[in-house]
Amino acid sequence: MNFFVFTQTILVATSSAKATADSFSFSTYVILSFLYIMIMHFAVNMGSEFNLIQMVFFFVFSGVLGYLFLGYEAAFVVGVVLSLIFISGPRKDL
């Protein structure tokens, strides 16, 4: 859209930033999420404190948020933060 104010043209971008800059696409998000989940699965899976389904849900949820609102870069960060928050500590089964 162009607006003419006095003698200058002001350009107003109508599309969002995630539609114009395709530096972090959905395929990149899926690959990085898969790699992160596998690294955390092998790193933390020594006890019963890792839940794979829970982590996959976090990345699917953050991917939906990234598609709708934030962009896939922010979605990856949200998925990592949620996975780090909700990995439970060592079980105390005494």
PDB file of N, CA and C in Angstrom:
ATOM      1  N   MET A   1       0.832  -1.169   0.000  1.00  0.00           N
ATOM      2  CA  MET A   1       0.000   0.000   0.000  1.00  0.00           C
ATOM      3  C   MET A   1       0.880   1.236   0.000  1.00  0.00           C
ATOM      4  N   ASN A   2       0.488   2.198  -0.734  1.00  0.00           N
ATOM      5  CA  ASN A   2       1.228   3.448  -0.794  1.00  0.00           C
ATOM      6  C   ASN A   2       0.354   4.571  -0.258  1.00  0.00           C
ATOM      7  N   PHE A   3       0.934   5.371   0.593  1.00  0.00           N
ATOM      8  CA  PHE A   3       0.273   6.568   1.087  1.00  0.00           C
ATOM      9  C   PHE A   3       1.121   7.764   0.708  1.00  0.00           C
ATOM     10  N   PHE A   4       0.495   8.779   0.214  1.00  0.00           N
ATOM     11  CA  PHE A   4       1.220   9.979  -0.158  1.00  0.00           C
ATOM     12  C   PHE A   4       1.029  11.018   0.936  1.00  0.00           C
ATOM     13  N   VAL A   5       2.115  11.343   1.611  1.00  0.00           N
ATOM     14  CA  VAL A   5       2.089  12.362   2.650  1.00  0.00           C
ATOM     15  C   VAL A   5       3.013  13.473   2.185  1.00  0.00           C
ATOM     16  N   PHE A   6       2.431  14.633   1.969  1.00  0.00           N
ATOM     17  CA  PHE A   6       3.117  15.772   1.389  1.00  0.00           C
ATOM     18  C   PHE A   6       3.726  15.345   0.060  1.00  0.00           C
ATOM     19  N   THR A   7       4.968  15.203  -0.101  1.00  0.00           N
ATOM     20  CA  THR A   7       5.500  14.767  -1.391  1.00  0.00           C
ATOM     21  C   THR A   7       6.284  13.474  -1.280  1.00  0.00           C
ATOM     22  N   GLN A   8       6.161  12.788  -0.180  1.00  0.00           N
ATOM     23  CA  GLN A   8       6.895  11.543   0.007  1.00  0.00           C
ATOM     24  C   GLN A   8       5.922  10.373   0.007  1.00  0.00           C
ATOM     25  N   THR A   9       6.384   9.261  -0.467  1.00  0.00           N
ATOM     26  CA  THR A   9       5.579   8.048  -0.475  1.00  0.00           C
ATOM     27  C   THR A   9       5.965   7.202   0.728  1.00  0.00           C
ATOM     28  N   ILE A  10       4.966   6.809   1.509  1.00  0.00           N
ATOM     29  CA  ILE A  10       5.188   5.942   2.657  1.00  0.00           C
ATOM     30  C   ILE A  10       4.680   4.559   2.281  1.00  0.00           C
ATOM     31  N   LEU A  11       5.568   3.588   2.318  1.00  0.00           N
ATOM     32  CA  LEU A  11       5.192   2.212   1.995  1.00  0.00           C
ATOM     33  C   LEU A  11       4.829   1.480   3.274  1.00  0.00           C
ATOM     34  N   VAL A  12       3.668   0.885   3.301  1.00  0.00           N
ATOM     35  CA  VAL A  12       3.211   0.101   4.438  1.00  0.00           C
ATOM     36  C   VAL A  12       3.190  -1.355   4.004  1.00  0.00           C
ATOM     37  N   ALA A  13       3.956  -2.172   4.695  1.00  0.00           N
ATOM     38  CA  ALA A  13       4.013  -3.596   4.354  1.00  0.00           C
ATOM     39  C   ALA A  13       2.716  -4.268   4.782  1.00  0.00           C
ATOM     40  N   THR A  14       2.110  -4.974   3.873  1.00  0.00           N
ATOM     41  CA  THR A  14       0.855  -5.654   4.199  1.00  0.00           C
ATOM     42  C   THR A  14       1.062  -7.101   4.610  1.00  0.00           C
ATOM     43  N   SER A  15       2.147  -7.706   4.184  1.00  0.00           N
ATOM     44  CA  SER A  15       2.386  -9.099   4.563  1.00  0.00           C
ATOM     45  C   SER A  15       3.234  -9.144   5.819  1.00  0.00           C
ATOM     46  N   SER A  16       3.141 -10.245   6.529  1.00  0.00           N
ATOM     47  CA  SER A  16       3.887 -10.375   7.764  1.00  0.00           C
ATOM     48  C   SER A  16       5.347 -10.723   7.475  1.00  0.00           C
ATOM     49  N   ALA A  17       6.164 -10.612   8.499  1.00  0.00           N
ATOM     50  CA  ALA A  17       7.587 -10.874   8.338  1.00  0.00           C
ATOM     51  C   ALA A  17       7.851 -12.357   8.068  1.00  0.00           C
ATOM     52  N   LYS A  18       7.041 -13.236   8.643  1.00  0.00           N
ATOM     53  CA  LYS A  18       7.289 -14.661   8.427  1.00  0.00           C
ATOM     54  C   LYS A  18       6.915 -15.098   7.015  1.00  0.00           C
ATOM     55  N   ALA A  19       6.095 -14.305   6.326  1.00  0.00           N
ATOM     56  CA  ALA A  19       5.740 -14.640   4.951  1.00  0.00           C
ATOM     57  C   ALA A  19       6.788 -14.144   3.965  1.00  0.00           C
ATOM     58  N   THR A  20       7.509 -13.079   4.315  1.00  0.00           N
ATOM     59  CA  THR A  20       8.482 -12.517   3.385  1.00  0.00           C
ATOM     60  C   THR A  20       9.872 -13.121   3.567  1.00  0.00           C
ATOM     61  N   ALA A  21      10.286 -13.362   4.785  1.00  0.00           N
ATOM     62  CA  ALA A  21      11.609 -13.929   5.040  1.00  0.00           C
ATOM     63  C   ALA A  21      11.461 -15.417   5.300  1.00  0.00           C
ATOM     64  N   ASP A  22      11.913 -16.232   4.381  1.00  0.00           N
ATOM     65  CA  ASP A  22      11.763 -17.679   4.501  1.00  0.00           C
ATOM     66  C   ASP A  22      13.103 -18.310   4.863  1.00  0.00           C
ATOM     67  N   SER A  23      13.749 -17.772   5.895  1.00  0.00           N
ATOM     68  CA  SER A  23      15.055 -18.290   6.270  1.00  0.00           C
ATOM     69  C   SER A  23      14.941 -19.524   7.157  1.00  0.00           C
ATOM     70  N   PHE A  24      13.841 -19.669   7.851  1.00  0.00           N
ATOM     71  CA  PHE A  24      13.652 -20.786   8.773  1.00  0.00           C
ATOM     72  C   PHE A  24      12.316 -21.414   8.418  1.00  0.00           C
ATOM     73  N   SER A  25      12.322 -22.317   7.480  1.00  0.00           N
ATOM     74  CA  SER A  25      11.084 -22.887   6.950  1.00  0.00           C
ATOM     75  C   SER A  25      10.589 -24.028   7.837  1.00  0.00           C
ATOM     76  N   PHE A  26       9.465 -24.589   7.450  1.00  0.00           N
ATOM     77  CA  PHE A  26       8.881 -25.694   8.204  1.00  0.00           C
ATOM     78  C   PHE A  26       9.781 -26.922   8.177  1.00  0.00           C
ATOM     79  N   SER A  27      10.394 -27.193   7.044  1.00  0.00           N
ATOM     80  CA  SER A  27      11.279 -28.364   6.968  1.00  0.00           C
ATOM     81  C   SER A  27      12.500 -28.194   7.867  1.00  0.00           C
ATOM     82  N   THR A  28      13.032 -26.984   7.950  1.00  0.00           N
ATOM     83  CA  THR A  28      14.144 -26.726   8.868  1.00  0.00           C
ATOM     84  C   THR A  28      13.702 -26.908  10.305  1.00  0.00           C
ATOM     85  N   TYR A  29      12.501 -26.450  10.628  1.00  0.00           N
ATOM     86  CA  TYR A  29      11.960 -26.623  11.974  1.00  0.00           C
ATOM     87  C   TYR A  29      11.816 -28.097  12.329  1.00  0.00           C
ATOM     88  N   VAL A  30      11.305 -28.891  11.411  1.00  0.00           N
ATOM     89  CA  VAL A  30      11.106 -30.316  11.672  1.00  0.00           C
ATOM     90  C   VAL A  30      12.448 -31.012  11.867  1.00  0.00           C
ATOM     91  N   ILE A  31      13.428 -30.701  11.033  1.00  0.00           N
ATOM     92  CA  ILE A  31      14.742 -31.349  11.142  1.00  0.00           C
ATOM     93  C   ILE A  31      15.424 -30.986  12.453  1.00  0.00           C
ATOM     94  N   LEU A  32      15.421 -29.689  12.807  1.00  0.00           N
ATOM     95  CA  LEU A  32      16.062 -29.276  14.057  1.00  0.00           C
ATOM     96  C   LEU A  32      15.323 -29.817  15.282  1.00  0.00           C
ATOM     97  N   SER A  33      13.998 -29.868  15.218  1.00  0.00           N
ATOM     98  CA  SER A  33      13.233 -30.429  16.332  1.00  0.00           C
ATOM     99  C   SER A  33      13.526 -31.913  16.504  1.00  0.00           C
ATOM    100  N   PHE A  34      13.574 -32.643  15.396  1.00  0.00           N
ATOM    101  CA  PHE A  34      13.886 -34.067  15.458  1.00  0.00           C
ATOM    102  C   PHE A  34      15.289 -34.294  16.038  1.00  0.00           C
ATOM    103  N   LEU A  35      16.265 -33.517  15.587  1.00  0.00           N
ATOM    104  CA  LEU A  35      17.625 -33.657  16.113  1.00  0.00           C
ATOM    105  C   LEU A  35      17.692 -33.335  17.599  1.00  0.00           C
ATOM    106  N   TYR A  36      17.005 -32.284  18.020  1.00  0.00           N
ATOM    107  CA  TYR A  36      17.012 -31.921  19.438  1.00  0.00           C
ATOM    108  C   TYR A  36      16.348 -33.002  20.284  1.00  0.00           C
ATOM    109  N   ILE A  37      15.217 -33.520  19.814  1.00  0.00           N
ATOM    110  CA  ILE A  37      14.522 -34.564  20.569  1.00  0.00           C
ATOM    111  C   ILE A  37      15.380 -35.820  20.672  1.00  0.00           C
ATOM    112  N   MET A  38      16.054 -36.195  19.597  1.00  0.00           N
ATOM    113  CA  MET A  38      16.899 -37.392  19.645  1.00  0.00           C
ATOM    114  C   MET A  38      18.115 -37.185  20.544  1.00  0.00           C
ATOM    115  N   ILE A  39      18.724 -36.012  20.492  1.00  0.00           N
ATOM    116  CA  ILE A  39      19.871 -35.735  21.371  1.00  0.00           C
ATOM    117  C   ILE A  39      19.437 -35.783  22.829  1.00  0.00           C
ATOM    118  N   MET A  40      18.305 -35.151  23.148  1.00  0.00           N
ATOM    119  CA  MET A  40      17.827 -35.173  24.526  1.00  0.00           C
ATOM    120  C   MET A  40      17.378 -36.577  24.937  1.00  0.00           C
ATOM    121  N   HIS A  41      16.844 -37.331  24.006  1.00  0.00           N
ATOM    122  CA  HIS A  41      16.423 -38.703  24.306  1.00  0.00           C
ATOM    123  C   HIS A  41      17.625 -39.561  24.694  1.00  0.00           C
ATOM    124  N   PHE A  42      18.709 -39.429  23.961  1.00  0.00           N
ATOM    125  CA  PHE A  42      19.894 -40.230  24.276  1.00  0.00           C
ATOM    126  C   PHE A  42      20.653 -39.680  25.470  1.00  0.00           C
ATOM    127  N   ALA A  43      20.574 -38.376  25.708  1.00  0.00           N
ATOM    128  CA  ALA A  43      21.316 -37.784  26.817  1.00  0.00           C
ATOM    129  C   ALA A  43      20.616 -38.003  28.159  1.00  0.00           C
ATOM    130  N   VAL A  44      19.300 -37.973  28.178  1.00  0.00           N
ATOM    131  CA  VAL A  44      18.562 -37.989  29.435  1.00  0.00           C
ATOM    132  C   VAL A  44      17.903 -39.337  29.696  1.00  0.00           C
ATOM    133  N   ASN A  45      17.955 -40.257  28.780  1.00  0.00           N
ATOM    134  CA  ASN A  45      17.214 -41.502  28.892  1.00  0.00           C
ATOM    135  C   ASN A  45      17.866 -42.527  29.813  1.00  0.00           C
ATOM    136  N   MET A  46      18.777 -42.135  30.645  1.00  0.00           N
ATOM    137  CA  MET A  46      19.421 -43.093  31.542  1.00  0.00           C
ATOM    138  C   MET A  46      18.483 -43.553  32.645  1.00  0.00           C
ATOM    139  N   GLY A  47      17.546 -42.724  33.044  1.00  0.00           N
ATOM    140  CA  GLY A  47      16.580 -43.111  34.070  1.00  0.00           C
ATOM    141  C   GLY A  47      15.183 -43.012  33.511  1.00  0.00           C
ATOM    142  N   SER A  48      14.249 -42.856  34.393  1.00  0.00           N
ATOM    143  CA  SER A  48      12.858 -42.775  33.957  1.00  0.00           C
ATOM    144  C   SER A  48      12.378 -41.332  33.883  1.00  0.00           C
ATOM    145  N   GLU A  49      13.300 -40.384  33.791  1.00  0.00           N
ATOM    146  CA  GLU A  49      12.892 -38.986  33.832  1.00  0.00           C
ATOM    147  C   GLU A  49      12.629 -38.371  32.458  1.00  0.00           C
ATOM    148  N   PHE A  50      12.691 -39.158  31.405  1.00  0.00           N
ATOM    149  CA  PHE A  50      12.461 -38.634  30.061  1.00  0.00           C
ATOM    150  C   PHE A  50      11.182 -39.227  29.498  1.00  0.00           C
ATOM    151  N   ASN A  51      10.305 -38.375  29.024  1.00  0.00           N
ATOM    152  CA  ASN A  51       9.064 -38.834  28.421  1.00  0.00           C
ATOM    153  C   ASN A  51       9.049 -38.358  26.973  1.00  0.00           C
ATOM    154  N   LEU A  52       9.224 -39.268  26.051  1.00  0.00           N
ATOM    155  CA  LEU A  52       9.339 -38.934  24.631  1.00  0.00           C
ATOM    156  C   LEU A  52       8.045 -38.351  24.076  1.00  0.00           C
ATOM    157  N   ILE A  53       6.914 -38.915  24.443  1.00  0.00           N
ATOM    158  CA  ILE A  53       5.627 -38.436  23.933  1.00  0.00           C
ATOM    159  C   ILE A  53       5.367 -37.011  24.403  1.00  0.00           C
ATOM    160  N   GLN A  54       5.747 -36.709  25.638  1.00  0.00           N
ATOM    161  CA  GLN A  54       5.571 -35.363  26.166  1.00  0.00           C
ATOM    162  C   GLN A  54       6.411 -34.358  25.376  1.00  0.00           C
ATOM    163  N   MET A  55       7.640 -34.702  25.058  1.00  0.00           N
ATOM    164  CA  MET A  55       8.497 -33.783  24.319  1.00  0.00           C
ATOM    165  C   MET A  55       8.011 -33.609  22.878  1.00  0.00           C
ATOM    166  N   VAL A  56       7.552 -34.676  22.257  1.00  0.00           N
ATOM    167  CA  VAL A  56       7.005 -34.557  20.902  1.00  0.00           C
ATOM    168  C   VAL A  56       5.774 -33.659  20.918  1.00  0.00           C
ATOM    169  N   PHE A  57       4.919 -33.800  21.937  1.00  0.00           N
ATOM    170  CA  PHE A  57       3.763 -32.921  22.057  1.00  0.00           C
ATOM    171  C   PHE A  57       4.173 -31.460  22.186  1.00  0.00           C
ATOM    172  N   PHE A  58       5.235 -31.178  22.974  1.00  0.00           N
ATOM    173  CA  PHE A  58       5.689 -29.794  23.116  1.00  0.00           C
ATOM    174  C   PHE A  58       6.125 -29.208  21.782  1.00  0.00           C
ATOM    175  N   PHE A  59       6.819 -29.991  20.975  1.00  0.00           N
ATOM    176  CA  PHE A  59       7.287 -29.464  19.699  1.00  0.00           C
ATOM    177  C   PHE A  59       6.158 -29.366  18.672  1.00  0.00           C
ATOM    178  N   VAL A  60       5.175 -30.258  18.739  1.00  0.00           N
ATOM    179  CA  VAL A  60       4.013 -30.111  17.861  1.00  0.00           C
ATOM    180  C   VAL A  60       3.216 -28.874  18.258  1.00  0.00           C
ATOM    181  N   PHE A  61       3.013 -28.671  19.553  1.00  0.00           N
ATOM    182  CA  PHE A  61       2.292 -27.503  20.052  1.00  0.00           C
ATOM    183  C   PHE A  61       3.011 -26.206  19.676  1.00  0.00           C
ATOM    184  N   SER A  62       4.313 -26.172  19.865  1.00  0.00           N
ATOM    185  CA  SER A  62       5.052 -24.951  19.514  1.00  0.00           C
ATOM    186  C   SER A  62       5.116 -24.765  18.002  1.00  0.00           C
ATOM    187  N   GLY A  63       5.099 -25.842  17.232  1.00  0.00           N
ATOM    188  CA  GLY A  63       5.044 -25.712  15.777  1.00  0.00           C
ATOM    189  C   GLY A  63       3.732 -25.107  15.306  1.00  0.00           C
ATOM    190  N   VAL A  64       2.629 -25.488  15.956  1.00  0.00           N
ATOM    191  CA  VAL A  64       1.336 -24.880  15.631  1.00  0.00           C
ATOM    192  C   VAL A  64       1.345 -23.396  15.993  1.00  0.00           C
ATOM    193  N   LEU A  65       1.889 -23.076  17.168  1.00  0.00           N
ATOM    194  CA  LEU A  65       2.013 -21.664  17.542  1.00  0.00           C
ATOM    195  C   LEU A  65       2.894 -20.906  16.558  1.00  0.00           C
ATOM    196  N   GLY A  66       3.968 -21.537  16.117  1.00  0.00           N
ATOM    197  CA  GLY A  66       4.852 -20.897  15.155  1.00  0.00           C
ATOM    198  C   GLY A  66       4.184 -20.658  13.821  1.00  0.00           C
ATOM    199  N   TYR A  67       3.367 -21.603  13.400  1.00  0.00           N
ATOM    200  CA  TYR A  67       2.641 -21.431  12.142  1.00  0.00           C
ATOM    201  C   TYR A  67       1.613 -20.313  12.243  1.00  0.00           C
ATOM    202  N   LEU A  68       0.919 -20.253  13.360  1.00  0.00           N
ATOM    203  CA  LEU A  68      -0.156 -19.279  13.494  1.00  0.00           C
ATOM    204  C   LEU A  68       0.333 -17.882  13.861  1.00  0.00           C
ATOM    205  N   PHE A  69       1.291 -17.779  14.778  1.00  0.00           N
ATOM    206  CA  PHE A  69       1.611 -16.478  15.351  1.00  0.00           C
ATOM    207  C   PHE A  69       3.064 -16.055  15.219  1.00  0.00           C
ATOM    208  N   LEU A  70       3.980 -16.884  15.667  1.00  0.00           N
ATOM    209  CA  LEU A  70       5.306 -16.419  16.019  1.00  0.00           C
ATOM    210  C   LEU A  70       6.348 -16.550  14.921  1.00  0.00           C
ATOM    211  N   GLY A  71       6.257 -17.549  14.111  1.00  0.00           N
ATOM    212  CA  GLY A  71       7.334 -17.896  13.198  1.00  0.00           C
ATOM    213  C   GLY A  71       8.040 -19.121  13.749  1.00  0.00           C
ATOM    214  N   TYR A  72       8.695 -19.847  12.878  1.00  0.00           N
ATOM    215  CA  TYR A  72       9.278 -21.120  13.301  1.00  0.00           C
ATOM    216  C   TYR A  72      10.521 -20.964  14.161  1.00  0.00           C
ATOM    217  N   GLU A  73      11.216 -19.822  14.058  1.00  0.00           N
ATOM    218  CA  GLU A  73      12.368 -19.611  14.940  1.00  0.00           C
ATOM    219  C   GLU A  73      11.915 -19.535  16.382  1.00  0.00           C
ATOM    220  N   ALA A  74      10.907 -18.709  16.628  1.00  0.00           N
ATOM    221  CA  ALA A  74      10.385 -18.575  17.989  1.00  0.00           C
ATOM    222  C   ALA A  74       9.732 -19.867  18.454  1.00  0.00           C
ATOM    223  N   ALA A  75       9.126 -20.601  17.546  1.00  0.00           N
ATOM    224  CA  ALA A  75       8.501 -21.874  17.910  1.00  0.00           C
ATOM    225  C   ALA A  75       9.550 -22.873  18.382  1.00  0.00           C
ATOM    226  N   PHE A  76      10.703 -22.884  17.734  1.00  0.00           N
ATOM    227  CA  PHE A  76      11.759 -23.792  18.164  1.00  0.00           C
ATOM    228  C   PHE A  76      12.246 -23.428  19.564  1.00  0.00           C
ATOM    229  N   VAL A  77      12.386 -22.135  19.811  1.00  0.00           N
ATOM    230  CA  VAL A  77      12.815 -21.684  21.144  1.00  0.00           C
ATOM    231  C   VAL A  77      11.768 -22.050  22.190  1.00  0.00           C
ATOM    232  N   VAL A  78      10.486 -21.861  21.876  1.00  0.00           N
ATOM    233  CA  VAL A  78       9.417 -22.220  22.809  1.00  0.00           C
ATOM    234  C   VAL A  78       9.442 -23.724  23.078  1.00  0.00           C
ATOM    235  N   GLY A  79       9.652 -24.534  22.056  1.00  0.00           N
ATOM    236  CA  GLY A  79       9.723 -25.978  22.247  1.00  0.00           C
ATOM    237  C   GLY A  79      10.887 -26.394  23.122  1.00  0.00           C
ATOM    238  N   VAL A  80      12.039 -25.769  22.927  1.00  0.00           N
ATOM    239  CA  VAL A  80      13.213 -26.087  23.752  1.00  0.00           C
ATOM    240  C   VAL A  80      12.968 -25.680  25.198  1.00  0.00           C
ATOM    241  N   VAL A  81      12.425 -24.489  25.397  1.00  0.00           N
ATOM    242  CA  VAL A  81      12.180 -24.014  26.763  1.00  0.00           C
ATOM    243  C   VAL A  81      11.150 -24.898  27.465  1.00  0.00           C
ATOM    244  N   LEU A  82      10.057 -25.247  26.784  1.00  0.00           N
ATOM    245  CA  LEU A  82       9.060 -26.123  27.392  1.00  0.00           C
ATOM    246  C   LEU A  82       9.636 -27.499  27.713  1.00  0.00           C
ATOM    247  N   SER A  83      10.467 -28.016  26.823  1.00  0.00           N
ATOM    248  CA  SER A  83      11.044 -29.336  27.090  1.00  0.00           C
ATOM    249  C   SER A  83      12.009 -29.293  28.267  1.00  0.00           C
ATOM    250  N   LEU A  84      12.748 -28.201  28.404  1.00  0.00           N
ATOM    251  CA  LEU A  84      13.668 -28.099  29.541  1.00  0.00           C
ATOM    252  C   LEU A  84      12.933 -27.865  30.853  1.00  0.00           C
ATOM    253  N   ILE A  85      11.819 -27.165  30.800  1.00  0.00           N
ATOM    254  CA  ILE A  85      11.044 -26.940  32.023  1.00  0.00           C
ATOM    255  C   ILE A  85      10.406 -28.235  32.510  1.00  0.00           C
ATOM    256  N   PHE A  86       9.831 -29.006  31.592  1.00  0.00           N
ATOM    257  CA  PHE A  86       9.023 -30.142  32.000  1.00  0.00           C
ATOM    258  C   PHE A  86       9.752 -31.483  32.000  1.00  0.00           C
ATOM    259  N   ILE A  87      11.064 -31.496  31.775  1.00  0.00           N
ATOM    260  CA  ILE A  87      11.809 -32.737  32.021  1.00  0.00           C
ATOM    261  C   ILE A  87      11.921 -32.850  33.528  1.00  0.00           C
ATOM    262  N   SER A  88      11.330 -33.877  34.065  1.00  0.00           N
ATOM    263  CA  SER A  88      11.327 -34.006  35.515  1.00  0.00           C
ATOM    264  C   SER A  88      12.679 -34.462  36.025  1.00  0.00           C
ATOM    265  N   GLY A  89      12.935 -34.174  37.243  1.00  0.00           N
ATOM    266  CA  GLY A  89      14.186 -34.583  37.866  1.00  0.00           C
ATOM    267  C   GLY A  89      14.209 -36.065  38.148  1.00  0.00           C
ATOM    268  N   PRO A  90      15.251 -36.515  38.798  1.00  0.00           N
ATOM    269  CA  PRO A  90      15.356 -37.947  39.123  1.00  0.00           C
ATOM    270  C   PRO A  90      14.198 -38.406  40.000  1.00  0.00           C
ATOM    271  N   ARG A  91      13.720 -39.600  39.717  1.00  0.00           N
ATOM    272  CA  ARG A  91      12.626 -40.158  40.506  1.00  0.00           C
ATOM    273  C   ARG A  91      13.145 -40.602  41.875  1.00  0.00           C
ATOM    274  N   LYS A  92      12.332 -40.416  42.861  1.00  0.00           N
ATOM    275  CA  LYS A  92      12.703 -40.863  44.207  1.00  0.00           C
ATOM    276  C   LYS A  92      11.768 -42.009  44.604  1.00  0.00           C
ATOM    277  N   ASP A  93      12.018 -43.146  44.009  1.00  0.00           N
ATOM    278  CA  ASP A  93      11.200 -44.329  44.296  1.00  0.00           C
ATOM    279  C   ASP A  93      11.839 -45.126  45.421  1.00  0.00           C
ATOM    280  N   LEU A  94      11.626 -44.687  46.624  1.00  0.00           N
ATOM    281  CA  LEU A  94      12.225 -45.385  47.770  1.00  0.00           C
ATOM    282  C   LEU A  94      11.222 -46.256  48.467  1.00  0.00           C
TER     283      LEU A  94
END
